[in-house]
């Protein structure tokens, strides 16, 4: 289990499982030990990670999705 923060984000722009996989990879690049769960219909991302919410939000936004702290 990854040590760190429990972060909840709302991610927009995800339309399929491929998008979910992409966003998961973005989080894992920031913290390879992160535990990530994404609910596609609601756009809710929950992660236990050493990365900050700001770092994740910026990385997800840079990839073309919308992201904000829920």
PDB file of N, CA and C in Angstrom:
ATOM      1  N   UNK A   1       0.846  -1.186   0.000  1.00  0.00           N
ATOM      2  CA  UNK A   1       0.000   0.000   0.000  1.00  0.00           C
ATOM      3  C   UNK A   1       0.881   1.237   0.000  1.00  0.00           C
ATOM      4  N   UNK A   2       0.507   2.193  -0.809  1.00  0.00           N
ATOM      5  CA  UNK A   2       1.283   3.427  -0.911  1.00  0.00           C
ATOM      6  C   UNK A   2       1.082   4.289   0.330  1.00  0.00           C
ATOM      7  N   UNK A   3       2.160   4.843   0.824  1.00  0.00           N
ATOM      8  CA  UNK A   3       2.069   5.788   1.932  1.00  0.00           C
ATOM      9  C   UNK A   3       1.686   7.139   1.364  1.00  0.00           C
ATOM     10  N   UNK A   4       0.901   7.905   2.089  1.00  0.00           N
ATOM     11  CA  UNK A   4       0.637   9.254   1.626  1.00  0.00           C
ATOM     12  C   UNK A   4      -0.789   9.681   1.790  1.00  0.00           C
ATOM     13  N   UNK A   5      -1.180  10.568   0.918  1.00  0.00           N
ATOM     14  CA  UNK A   5      -2.463  11.240   0.981  1.00  0.00           C
ATOM     15  C   UNK A   5      -3.559  10.430   0.314  1.00  0.00           C
ATOM     16  N   UNK A   6      -4.756  10.565   0.835  1.00  0.00           N
ATOM     17  CA  UNK A   6      -5.947  10.060   0.144  1.00  0.00           C
ATOM     18  C   UNK A   6      -6.509  11.256  -0.612  1.00  0.00           C
ATOM     19  N   UNK A   7      -6.462  11.181  -1.927  1.00  0.00           N
ATOM     20  CA  UNK A   7      -6.866  12.304  -2.771  1.00  0.00           C
ATOM     21  C   UNK A   7      -8.095  11.910  -3.568  1.00  0.00           C
ATOM     22  N   UNK A   8      -9.053  12.819  -3.632  1.00  0.00           N
ATOM     23  CA  UNK A   8     -10.250  12.608  -4.439  1.00  0.00           C
ATOM     24  C   UNK A   8     -10.332  13.752  -5.443  1.00  0.00           C
ATOM     25  N   UNK A   9     -10.367  13.392  -6.730  1.00  0.00           N
ATOM     26  CA  UNK A   9     -10.457  14.374  -7.800  1.00  0.00           C
ATOM     27  C   UNK A   9     -11.685  14.089  -8.648  1.00  0.00           C
ATOM     28  N   UNK A  10     -12.200  15.124  -9.273  1.00  0.00           N
ATOM     29  CA  UNK A  10     -13.207  14.981 -10.312  1.00  0.00           C
ATOM     30  C   UNK A  10     -12.486  15.203 -11.633  1.00  0.00           C
ATOM     31  N   UNK A  11     -12.559  14.201 -12.506  1.00  0.00           N
ATOM     32  CA  UNK A  11     -11.870  14.264 -13.793  1.00  0.00           C
ATOM     33  C   UNK A  11     -12.925  14.298 -14.889  1.00  0.00           C
ATOM     34  N   UNK A  12     -12.826  15.277 -15.777  1.00  0.00           N
ATOM     35  CA  UNK A  12     -13.758  15.396 -16.897  1.00  0.00           C
ATOM     36  C   UNK A  12     -13.043  15.051 -18.197  1.00  0.00           C
ATOM     37  N   UNK A  13     -13.826  14.657 -19.181  1.00  0.00           N
ATOM     38  CA  UNK A  13     -13.265  14.353 -20.495  1.00  0.00           C
ATOM     39  C   UNK A  13     -12.987  12.875 -20.714  1.00  0.00           C
ATOM     40  N   UNK A  14     -13.214  12.047 -19.710  1.00  0.00           N
ATOM     41  CA  UNK A  14     -13.030  10.609 -19.882  1.00  0.00           C
ATOM     42  C   UNK A  14     -14.305  10.028 -20.484  1.00  0.00           C
ATOM     43  N   UNK A  15     -14.169   9.312 -21.598  1.00  0.00           N
ATOM     44  CA  UNK A  15     -15.347   8.779 -22.272  1.00  0.00           C
ATOM     45  C   UNK A  15     -15.354   7.262 -22.384  1.00  0.00           C
ATOM     46  N   UNK A  16     -14.240   6.604 -22.054  1.00  0.00           N
ATOM     47  CA  UNK A  16     -14.162   5.159 -22.231  1.00  0.00           C
ATOM     48  C   UNK A  16     -13.120   4.566 -21.283  1.00  0.00           C
ATOM     49  N   UNK A  17     -13.017   3.248 -21.291  1.00  0.00           N
ATOM     50  CA  UNK A  17     -12.050   2.581 -20.434  1.00  0.00           C
ATOM     51  C   UNK A  17     -10.618   2.952 -20.824  1.00  0.00           C
ATOM     52  N   UNK A  18     -10.391   3.251 -22.086  1.00  0.00           N
ATOM     53  CA  UNK A  18      -9.063   3.696 -22.508  1.00  0.00           C
ATOM     54  C   UNK A  18      -8.664   4.992 -21.823  1.00  0.00           C
ATOM     55  N   UNK A  19      -9.629   5.893 -21.650  1.00  0.00           N
ATOM     56  CA  UNK A  19      -9.360   7.144 -20.937  1.00  0.00           C
ATOM     57  C   UNK A  19      -9.029   6.859 -19.475  1.00  0.00           C
ATOM     58  N   UNK A  20      -9.773   5.952 -18.875  1.00  0.00           N
ATOM     59  CA  UNK A  20      -9.518   5.575 -17.484  1.00  0.00           C
ATOM     60  C   UNK A  20      -8.103   5.022 -17.358  1.00  0.00           C
ATOM     61  N   UNK A  21      -7.715   4.158 -18.289  1.00  0.00           N
ATOM     62  CA  UNK A  21      -6.361   3.592 -18.272  1.00  0.00           C
ATOM     63  C   UNK A  21      -5.307   4.679 -18.426  1.00  0.00           C
ATOM     64  N   UNK A  22      -5.553   5.647 -19.296  1.00  0.00           N
ATOM     65  CA  UNK A  22      -4.606   6.751 -19.505  1.00  0.00           C
ATOM     66  C   UNK A  22      -4.433   7.581 -18.236  1.00  0.00           C
ATOM     67  N   UNK A  23      -5.545   7.928 -17.593  1.00  0.00           N
ATOM     68  CA  UNK A  23      -5.480   8.732 -16.372  1.00  0.00           C
ATOM     69  C   UNK A  23      -4.787   7.940 -15.261  1.00  0.00           C
ATOM     70  N   UNK A  24      -5.056   6.655 -15.192  1.00  0.00           N
ATOM     71  CA  UNK A  24      -4.374   5.814 -14.203  1.00  0.00           C
ATOM     72  C   UNK A  24      -2.868   5.833 -14.437  1.00  0.00           C
ATOM     73  N   UNK A  25      -2.433   5.727 -15.688  1.00  0.00           N
ATOM     74  CA  UNK A  25      -1.001   5.782 -16.013  1.00  0.00           C
ATOM     75  C   UNK A  25      -0.390   7.125 -15.627  1.00  0.00           C
ATOM     76  N   UNK A  26      -1.133   8.207 -15.816  1.00  0.00           N
ATOM     77  CA  UNK A  26      -0.640   9.539 -15.441  1.00  0.00           C
ATOM     78  C   UNK A  26      -0.362   9.590 -13.940  1.00  0.00           C
ATOM     79  N   UNK A  27      -1.293   9.072 -13.146  1.00  0.00           N
ATOM     80  CA  UNK A  27      -1.105   9.062 -11.694  1.00  0.00           C
ATOM     81  C   UNK A  27       0.083   8.175 -11.333  1.00  0.00           C
ATOM     82  N   UNK A  28       0.201   7.024 -11.975  1.00  0.00           N
ATOM     83  CA  UNK A  28       1.290   6.089 -11.682  1.00  0.00           C
ATOM     84  C   UNK A  28       2.655   6.662 -12.077  1.00  0.00           C
ATOM     85  N   UNK A  29       2.690   7.541 -13.080  1.00  0.00           N
ATOM     86  CA  UNK A  29       3.953   8.204 -13.429  1.00  0.00           C
ATOM     87  C   UNK A  29       4.392   9.143 -12.312  1.00  0.00           C
ATOM     88  N   UNK A  30       3.429   9.794 -11.682  1.00  0.00           N
ATOM     89  CA  UNK A  30       3.742  10.712 -10.581  1.00  0.00           C
ATOM     90  C   UNK A  30       4.159   9.937  -9.333  1.00  0.00           C
ATOM     91  N   UNK A  31       3.553   8.771  -9.122  1.00  0.00           N
ATOM     92  CA  UNK A  31       3.873   7.928  -7.961  1.00  0.00           C
ATOM     93  C   UNK A  31       3.614   6.475  -8.350  1.00  0.00           C
ATOM     94  N   UNK A  32       4.663   5.734  -8.722  1.00  0.00           N
ATOM     95  CA  UNK A  32       4.484   4.351  -9.158  1.00  0.00           C
ATOM     96  C   UNK A  32       3.809   3.443  -8.126  1.00  0.00           C
ATOM     97  N   UNK A  33       3.873   3.804  -6.856  1.00  0.00           N
ATOM     98  CA  UNK A  33       3.257   2.988  -5.804  1.00  0.00           C
ATOM     99  C   UNK A  33       1.816   3.395  -5.499  1.00  0.00           C
ATOM    100  N   UNK A  34       1.296   4.365  -6.222  1.00  0.00           N
ATOM    101  CA  UNK A  34      -0.062   4.865  -5.949  1.00  0.00           C
ATOM    102  C   UNK A  34      -1.103   3.775  -6.164  1.00  0.00           C
ATOM    103  N   UNK A  35      -2.135   3.823  -5.351  1.00  0.00           N
ATOM    104  CA  UNK A  35      -3.311   2.985  -5.542  1.00  0.00           C
ATOM    105  C   UNK A  35      -4.390   3.887  -6.117  1.00  0.00           C
ATOM    106  N   UNK A  36      -4.921   3.514  -7.271  1.00  0.00           N
ATOM    107  CA  UNK A  36      -5.849   4.379  -8.003  1.00  0.00           C
ATOM    108  C   UNK A  36      -7.149   3.642  -8.286  1.00  0.00           C
ATOM    109  N   UNK A  37      -8.270   4.314  -8.053  1.00  0.00           N
ATOM    110  CA  UNK A  37      -9.586   3.795  -8.415  1.00  0.00           C
ATOM    111  C   UNK A  37     -10.338   4.921  -9.108  1.00  0.00           C
ATOM    112  N   UNK A  38     -10.872   4.615 -10.289  1.00  0.00           N
ATOM    113  CA  UNK A  38     -11.607   5.624 -11.054  1.00  0.00           C
ATOM    114  C   UNK A  38     -12.983   5.077 -11.401  1.00  0.00           C
ATOM    115  N   UNK A  39     -14.011   5.887 -11.139  1.00  0.00           N
ATOM    116  CA  UNK A  39     -15.376   5.564 -11.531  1.00  0.00           C
ATOM    117  C   UNK A  39     -15.700   6.380 -12.778  1.00  0.00           C
ATOM    118  N   UNK A  40     -15.754   5.716 -13.931  1.00  0.00           N
ATOM    119  CA  UNK A  40     -15.950   6.410 -15.201  1.00  0.00           C
ATOM    120  C   UNK A  40     -17.263   7.208 -15.265  1.00  0.00           C
ATOM    121  N   UNK A  41     -18.417   6.625 -14.889  1.00  0.00           N
ATOM    122  CA  UNK A  41     -19.670   7.398 -15.019  1.00  0.00           C
ATOM    123  C   UNK A  41     -19.679   8.713 -14.235  1.00  0.00           C
ATOM    124  N   UNK A  42     -19.039   8.729 -13.053  1.00  0.00           N
ATOM    125  CA  UNK A  42     -19.057   9.947 -12.241  1.00  0.00           C
ATOM    126  C   UNK A  42     -17.800  10.794 -12.427  1.00  0.00           C
ATOM    127  N   UNK A  43     -16.742  10.203 -13.018  1.00  0.00           N
ATOM    128  CA  UNK A  43     -15.485  10.921 -13.173  1.00  0.00           C
ATOM    129  C   UNK A  43     -14.715  11.059 -11.879  1.00  0.00           C
ATOM    130  N   UNK A  44     -15.057  10.249 -10.891  1.00  0.00           N
ATOM    131  CA  UNK A  44     -14.408  10.338  -9.578  1.00  0.00           C
ATOM    132  C   UNK A  44     -13.144   9.490  -9.552  1.00  0.00           C
ATOM    133  N   UNK A  45     -12.043  10.125  -9.198  1.00  0.00           N
ATOM    134  CA  UNK A  45     -10.767   9.449  -9.044  1.00  0.00           C
ATOM    135  C   UNK A  45     -10.392   9.489  -7.571  1.00  0.00           C
ATOM    136  N   UNK A  46     -10.078   8.334  -7.026  1.00  0.00           N
ATOM    137  CA  UNK A  46      -9.576   8.253  -5.658  1.00  0.00           C
ATOM    138  C   UNK A  46      -8.205   7.621  -5.716  1.00  0.00           C
ATOM    139  N   UNK A  47      -7.259   8.237  -5.026  1.00  0.00           N
ATOM    140  CA  UNK A  47      -5.896   7.709  -5.034  1.00  0.00           C
ATOM    141  C   UNK A  47      -5.273   7.848  -3.653  1.00  0.00           C
ATOM    142  N   UNK A  48      -4.538   6.830  -3.278  1.00  0.00           N
ATOM    143  CA  UNK A  48      -3.675   6.910  -2.107  1.00  0.00           C
ATOM    144  C   UNK A  48      -2.277   7.017  -2.681  1.00  0.00           C
ATOM    145  N   UNK A  49      -1.651   8.160  -2.466  1.00  0.00           N
ATOM    146  CA  UNK A  49      -0.416   8.463  -3.176  1.00  0.00           C
ATOM    147  C   UNK A  49       0.462   9.424  -2.386  1.00  0.00           C
ATOM    148  N   UNK A  50       1.746   9.361  -2.671  1.00  0.00           N
ATOM    149  CA  UNK A  50       2.690  10.313  -2.088  1.00  0.00           C
ATOM    150  C   UNK A  50       2.683  11.631  -2.864  1.00  0.00           C
ATOM    151  N   UNK A  51       2.114  11.632  -4.074  1.00  0.00           N
ATOM    152  CA  UNK A  51       2.041  12.844  -4.887  1.00  0.00           C
ATOM    153  C   UNK A  51       0.969  13.774  -4.324  1.00  0.00           C
ATOM    154  N   UNK A  52       1.133  15.057  -4.560  1.00  0.00           N
ATOM    155  CA  UNK A  52       0.144  16.036  -4.078  1.00  0.00           C
ATOM    156  C   UNK A  52      -1.031  16.123  -5.045  1.00  0.00           C
ATOM    157  N   UNK A  53      -2.144  16.615  -4.547  1.00  0.00           N
ATOM    158  CA  UNK A  53      -3.319  16.826  -5.395  1.00  0.00           C
ATOM    159  C   UNK A  53      -2.990  17.800  -6.519  1.00  0.00           C
ATOM    160  N   UNK A  54      -2.203  18.818  -6.215  1.00  0.00           N
ATOM    161  CA  UNK A  54      -1.823  19.795  -7.238  1.00  0.00           C
ATOM    162  C   UNK A  54      -1.003  19.138  -8.344  1.00  0.00           C
ATOM    163  N   UNK A  55      -0.062  18.286  -7.984  1.00  0.00           N
ATOM    164  CA  UNK A  55       0.757  17.592  -8.974  1.00  0.00           C
ATOM    165  C   UNK A  55      -0.113  16.735  -9.883  1.00  0.00           C
ATOM    166  N   UNK A  56      -1.033  15.991  -9.298  1.00  0.00           N
ATOM    167  CA  UNK A  56      -1.905  15.136 -10.103  1.00  0.00           C
ATOM    168  C   UNK A  56      -2.831  15.956 -10.990  1.00  0.00           C
ATOM    169  N   UNK A  57      -3.403  17.004 -10.432  1.00  0.00           N
ATOM    170  CA  UNK A  57      -4.296  17.861 -11.215  1.00  0.00           C
ATOM    171  C   UNK A  57      -3.576  18.458 -12.413  1.00  0.00           C
ATOM    172  N   UNK A  58      -2.368  18.948 -12.203  1.00  0.00           N
ATOM    173  CA  UNK A  58      -1.598  19.544 -13.298  1.00  0.00           C
ATOM    174  C   UNK A  58      -1.247  18.508 -14.358  1.00  0.00           C
ATOM    175  N   UNK A  59      -0.846  17.308 -13.950  1.00  0.00           N
ATOM    176  CA  UNK A  59      -0.467  16.261 -14.901  1.00  0.00           C
ATOM    177  C   UNK A  59      -1.674  15.799 -15.714  1.00  0.00           C
ATOM    178  N   UNK A  60      -2.810  15.632 -15.062  1.00  0.00           N
ATOM    179  CA  UNK A  60      -4.021  15.193 -15.764  1.00  0.00           C
ATOM    180  C   UNK A  60      -4.496  16.277 -16.725  1.00  0.00           C
ATOM    181  N   UNK A  61      -4.441  17.523 -16.298  1.00  0.00           N
ATOM    182  CA  UNK A  61      -4.847  18.648 -17.159  1.00  0.00           C
ATOM    183  C   UNK A  61      -3.914  18.759 -18.375  1.00  0.00           C
ATOM    184  N   UNK A  62      -2.626  18.574 -18.154  1.00  0.00           N
ATOM    185  CA  UNK A  62      -1.643  18.647 -19.249  1.00  0.00           C
ATOM    186  C   UNK A  62      -1.916  17.566 -20.298  1.00  0.00           C
ATOM    187  N   UNK A  63      -2.536  16.466 -19.896  1.00  0.00           N
ATOM    188  CA  UNK A  63      -2.836  15.378 -20.820  1.00  0.00           C
ATOM    189  C   UNK A  63      -4.145  15.611 -21.578  1.00  0.00           C
ATOM    190  N   UNK A  64      -4.835  16.705 -21.276  1.00  0.00           N
ATOM    191  CA  UNK A  64      -6.034  17.050 -22.029  1.00  0.00           C
ATOM    192  C   UNK A  64      -7.351  16.775 -21.323  1.00  0.00           C
ATOM    193  N   UNK A  65      -7.292  16.332 -20.088  1.00  0.00           N
ATOM    194  CA  UNK A  65      -8.513  16.106 -19.319  1.00  0.00           C
ATOM    195  C   UNK A  65      -8.699  17.285 -18.359  1.00  0.00           C
ATOM    196  N   UNK A  66      -9.894  17.410 -17.840  1.00  0.00           N
ATOM    197  CA  UNK A  66     -10.126  18.400 -16.793  1.00  0.00           C
ATOM    198  C   UNK A  66      -9.968  17.707 -15.456  1.00  0.00           C
ATOM    199  N   UNK A  67      -9.431  18.392 -14.477  1.00  0.00           N
ATOM    200  CA  UNK A  67      -9.272  17.794 -13.145  1.00  0.00           C
ATOM    201  C   UNK A  67      -9.348  18.863 -12.081  1.00  0.00           C
ATOM    202  N   UNK A  68     -10.068  18.544 -11.006  1.00  0.00           N
ATOM    203  CA  UNK A  68     -10.128  19.431  -9.855  1.00  0.00           C
ATOM    204  C   UNK A  68     -10.364  18.612  -8.604  1.00  0.00           C
ATOM    205  N   UNK A  69      -9.966  19.152  -7.481  1.00  0.00           N
ATOM    206  CA  UNK A  69     -10.174  18.469  -6.204  1.00  0.00           C
ATOM    207  C   UNK A  69     -11.676  18.405  -5.941  1.00  0.00           C
ATOM    208  N   UNK A  70     -12.140  17.221  -5.596  1.00  0.00           N
ATOM    209  CA  UNK A  70     -13.594  17.032  -5.358  1.00  0.00           C
ATOM    210  C   UNK A  70     -13.968  17.518  -3.971  1.00  0.00           C
TER     211      UNK A  70
END
